[in-house]
Amino acid sequence: MPTPEQLELPESVDDLEGWLVAMLRTAPDDALASALDQAETIAAERFSGEQIVEALRRVLATELRR
């Protein structure tokens, strides 16, 4: 389970993937779509759409296998 610190929106885009993974791992399987939407909205406060999409693509390639 992610720590509270891992659930805080990072300052650096380099940490965005880890944050997204932490956000998705706290969501129930039946709420994954909602968790993705919420994570994208929160991330947009600090990162560009392109940065978010790139990170989400990498994360989803691994997280959907869980």
N, C-alpha and C. Protein backbone atom coordinates (compact mmCIF):
# COMPACT_ATOMS: atom_id res chain seq x y z
N MET A 1 0.84 -1.18 0.00
CA MET A 1 0.00 0.00 0.00
C MET A 1 0.89 1.24 0.00
N PRO A 2 0.54 2.24 -0.82
CA PRO A 2 1.33 3.47 -0.87
C PRO A 2 1.28 4.23 0.45
N THR A 3 2.36 4.94 0.72
CA THR A 3 2.43 5.79 1.91
C THR A 3 1.71 7.10 1.62
N PRO A 4 1.35 7.84 2.66
CA PRO A 4 0.72 9.15 2.44
C PRO A 4 1.60 10.08 1.59
N GLU A 5 2.90 10.01 1.77
CA GLU A 5 3.81 10.85 0.99
C GLU A 5 3.75 10.50 -0.49
N GLN A 6 3.59 9.22 -0.80
CA GLN A 6 3.53 8.79 -2.20
C GLN A 6 2.24 9.25 -2.87
N LEU A 7 1.25 9.61 -2.08
CA LEU A 7 -0.03 10.06 -2.62
C LEU A 7 -0.10 11.57 -2.80
N GLU A 8 0.98 12.28 -2.47
CA GLU A 8 1.04 13.73 -2.67
C GLU A 8 1.56 14.00 -4.07
N LEU A 9 0.90 14.91 -4.78
CA LEU A 9 1.30 15.26 -6.13
C LEU A 9 2.76 15.72 -6.13
N PRO A 10 3.60 15.10 -6.94
CA PRO A 10 5.01 15.46 -6.92
C PRO A 10 5.29 16.81 -7.58
N GLU A 11 6.41 17.37 -7.26
CA GLU A 11 6.86 18.62 -7.87
C GLU A 11 7.47 18.36 -9.24
N SER A 12 8.13 17.22 -9.39
CA SER A 12 8.88 16.90 -10.61
C SER A 12 8.12 15.91 -11.49
N VAL A 13 8.17 16.14 -12.79
CA VAL A 13 7.55 15.21 -13.74
C VAL A 13 8.23 13.84 -13.66
N ASP A 14 9.48 13.81 -13.22
CA ASP A 14 10.19 12.53 -13.08
C ASP A 14 9.52 11.62 -12.06
N ASP A 15 8.76 12.19 -11.15
CA ASP A 15 8.09 11.40 -10.12
C ASP A 15 6.60 11.17 -10.42
N LEU A 16 6.16 11.65 -11.56
CA LEU A 16 4.73 11.56 -11.90
C LEU A 16 4.27 10.11 -12.06
N GLU A 17 5.06 9.28 -12.71
CA GLU A 17 4.67 7.87 -12.88
C GLU A 17 4.46 7.18 -11.54
N GLY A 18 5.39 7.37 -10.62
CA GLY A 18 5.28 6.75 -9.30
C GLY A 18 4.04 7.21 -8.57
N TRP A 19 3.73 8.48 -8.70
CA TRP A 19 2.52 9.02 -8.07
C TRP A 19 1.28 8.40 -8.69
N LEU A 20 1.26 8.30 -10.02
CA LEU A 20 0.11 7.69 -10.69
C LEU A 20 -0.08 6.24 -10.25
N VAL A 21 1.00 5.50 -10.15
CA VAL A 21 0.91 4.12 -9.68
C VAL A 21 0.33 4.08 -8.28
N ALA A 22 0.80 4.95 -7.40
CA ALA A 22 0.30 4.98 -6.03
C ALA A 22 -1.20 5.29 -6.02
N MET A 23 -1.61 6.25 -6.84
CA MET A 23 -3.03 6.61 -6.90
C MET A 23 -3.87 5.43 -7.39
N LEU A 24 -3.41 4.74 -8.40
CA LEU A 24 -4.18 3.62 -8.95
C LEU A 24 -4.21 2.44 -7.99
N ARG A 25 -3.15 2.24 -7.24
CA ARG A 25 -3.13 1.10 -6.32
C ARG A 25 -4.03 1.30 -5.11
N THR A 26 -4.45 2.52 -4.86
CA THR A 26 -5.37 2.76 -3.75
C THR A 26 -6.82 2.62 -4.19
N ALA A 27 -7.03 2.53 -5.50
CA ALA A 27 -8.41 2.45 -6.02
C ALA A 27 -8.88 1.01 -6.10
N PRO A 28 -10.13 0.77 -5.73
CA PRO A 28 -10.69 -0.57 -5.93
C PRO A 28 -10.74 -0.87 -7.43
N ASP A 29 -10.63 -2.13 -7.79
CA ASP A 29 -10.62 -2.51 -9.20
C ASP A 29 -11.84 -1.98 -9.96
N ASP A 30 -12.98 -1.96 -9.31
CA ASP A 30 -14.19 -1.50 -10.00
C ASP A 30 -14.29 0.02 -10.10
N ALA A 31 -13.32 0.74 -9.55
CA ALA A 31 -13.31 2.19 -9.60
C ALA A 31 -12.09 2.73 -10.34
N LEU A 32 -11.46 1.90 -11.14
CA LEU A 32 -10.24 2.30 -11.83
C LEU A 32 -10.48 3.48 -12.77
N ALA A 33 -11.55 3.47 -13.52
CA ALA A 33 -11.84 4.57 -14.45
C ALA A 33 -11.99 5.89 -13.69
N SER A 34 -12.69 5.85 -12.58
CA SER A 34 -12.86 7.05 -11.76
C SER A 34 -11.52 7.52 -11.18
N ALA A 35 -10.71 6.58 -10.75
CA ALA A 35 -9.39 6.92 -10.19
C ALA A 35 -8.50 7.54 -11.26
N LEU A 36 -8.56 7.03 -12.47
CA LEU A 36 -7.78 7.60 -13.57
C LEU A 36 -8.21 9.04 -13.85
N ASP A 37 -9.50 9.26 -13.90
CA ASP A 37 -10.04 10.59 -14.15
C ASP A 37 -9.61 11.56 -13.05
N GLN A 38 -9.71 11.11 -11.81
CA GLN A 38 -9.32 11.96 -10.69
C GLN A 38 -7.82 12.25 -10.72
N ALA A 39 -7.01 11.26 -10.98
CA ALA A 39 -5.56 11.46 -11.03
C ALA A 39 -5.18 12.42 -12.15
N GLU A 40 -5.82 12.28 -13.29
CA GLU A 40 -5.54 13.18 -14.41
C GLU A 40 -5.89 14.62 -14.06
N THR A 41 -7.03 14.81 -13.41
CA THR A 41 -7.47 16.15 -13.01
C THR A 41 -6.49 16.78 -12.02
N ILE A 42 -6.08 16.00 -11.05
CA ILE A 42 -5.14 16.50 -10.03
C ILE A 42 -3.78 16.81 -10.67
N ALA A 43 -3.29 15.91 -11.50
CA ALA A 43 -1.98 16.10 -12.14
C ALA A 43 -1.97 17.33 -13.03
N ALA A 44 -3.11 17.68 -13.62
CA ALA A 44 -3.19 18.84 -14.50
C ALA A 44 -2.96 20.16 -13.76
N GLU A 45 -3.02 20.12 -12.44
CA GLU A 45 -2.72 21.32 -11.65
C GLU A 45 -1.26 21.71 -11.78
N ARG A 46 -0.40 20.75 -12.13
CA ARG A 46 1.03 21.00 -12.14
C ARG A 46 1.72 20.61 -13.45
N PHE A 47 1.15 19.68 -14.20
CA PHE A 47 1.82 19.15 -15.38
C PHE A 47 1.00 19.36 -16.64
N SER A 48 1.68 19.36 -17.78
CA SER A 48 0.98 19.55 -19.06
C SER A 48 0.24 18.27 -19.44
N GLY A 49 -0.72 18.43 -20.31
CA GLY A 49 -1.46 17.28 -20.80
C GLY A 49 -0.55 16.25 -21.44
N GLU A 50 0.43 16.71 -22.18
CA GLU A 50 1.37 15.79 -22.84
C GLU A 50 2.17 14.99 -21.81
N GLN A 51 2.63 15.64 -20.76
CA GLN A 51 3.38 14.94 -19.72
C GLN A 51 2.50 13.89 -19.04
N ILE A 52 1.27 14.24 -18.79
CA ILE A 52 0.35 13.32 -18.11
C ILE A 52 0.05 12.12 -19.00
N VAL A 53 -0.24 12.36 -20.27
CA VAL A 53 -0.55 11.26 -21.19
C VAL A 53 0.63 10.31 -21.33
N GLU A 54 1.83 10.86 -21.46
CA GLU A 54 3.02 10.01 -21.58
C GLU A 54 3.19 9.14 -20.33
N ALA A 55 3.03 9.74 -19.17
CA ALA A 55 3.18 8.98 -17.92
C ALA A 55 2.08 7.94 -17.79
N LEU A 56 0.85 8.30 -18.12
CA LEU A 56 -0.26 7.36 -18.04
C LEU A 56 -0.06 6.16 -18.97
N ARG A 57 0.45 6.41 -20.14
CA ARG A 57 0.69 5.30 -21.08
C ARG A 57 1.67 4.29 -20.49
N ARG A 58 2.74 4.80 -19.90
CA ARG A 58 3.74 3.90 -19.31
C ARG A 58 3.16 3.16 -18.10
N VAL A 59 2.43 3.87 -17.27
CA VAL A 59 1.84 3.27 -16.07
C VAL A 59 0.80 2.22 -16.45
N LEU A 60 -0.08 2.54 -17.37
CA LEU A 60 -1.15 1.62 -17.72
C LEU A 60 -0.60 0.36 -18.37
N ALA A 61 0.52 0.46 -19.04
CA ALA A 61 1.11 -0.73 -19.66
C ALA A 61 1.47 -1.76 -18.60
N THR A 62 1.78 -1.32 -17.38
CA THR A 62 2.14 -2.25 -16.32
C THR A 62 1.01 -2.48 -15.32
N GLU A 63 0.27 -1.43 -14.99
CA GLU A 63 -0.75 -1.55 -13.94
C GLU A 63 -1.97 -2.34 -14.38
N LEU A 64 -2.31 -2.34 -15.64
CA LEU A 64 -3.47 -3.10 -16.07
C LEU A 64 -3.24 -4.60 -16.00
N ARG A 65 -2.02 -4.99 -15.80
CA ARG A 65 -1.69 -6.41 -15.67
C ARG A 65 -1.89 -6.91 -14.24
N ARG A 66 -2.13 -6.02 -13.29
CA ARG A 66 -2.22 -6.43 -11.88
C ARG A 66 -3.45 -7.22 -11.60
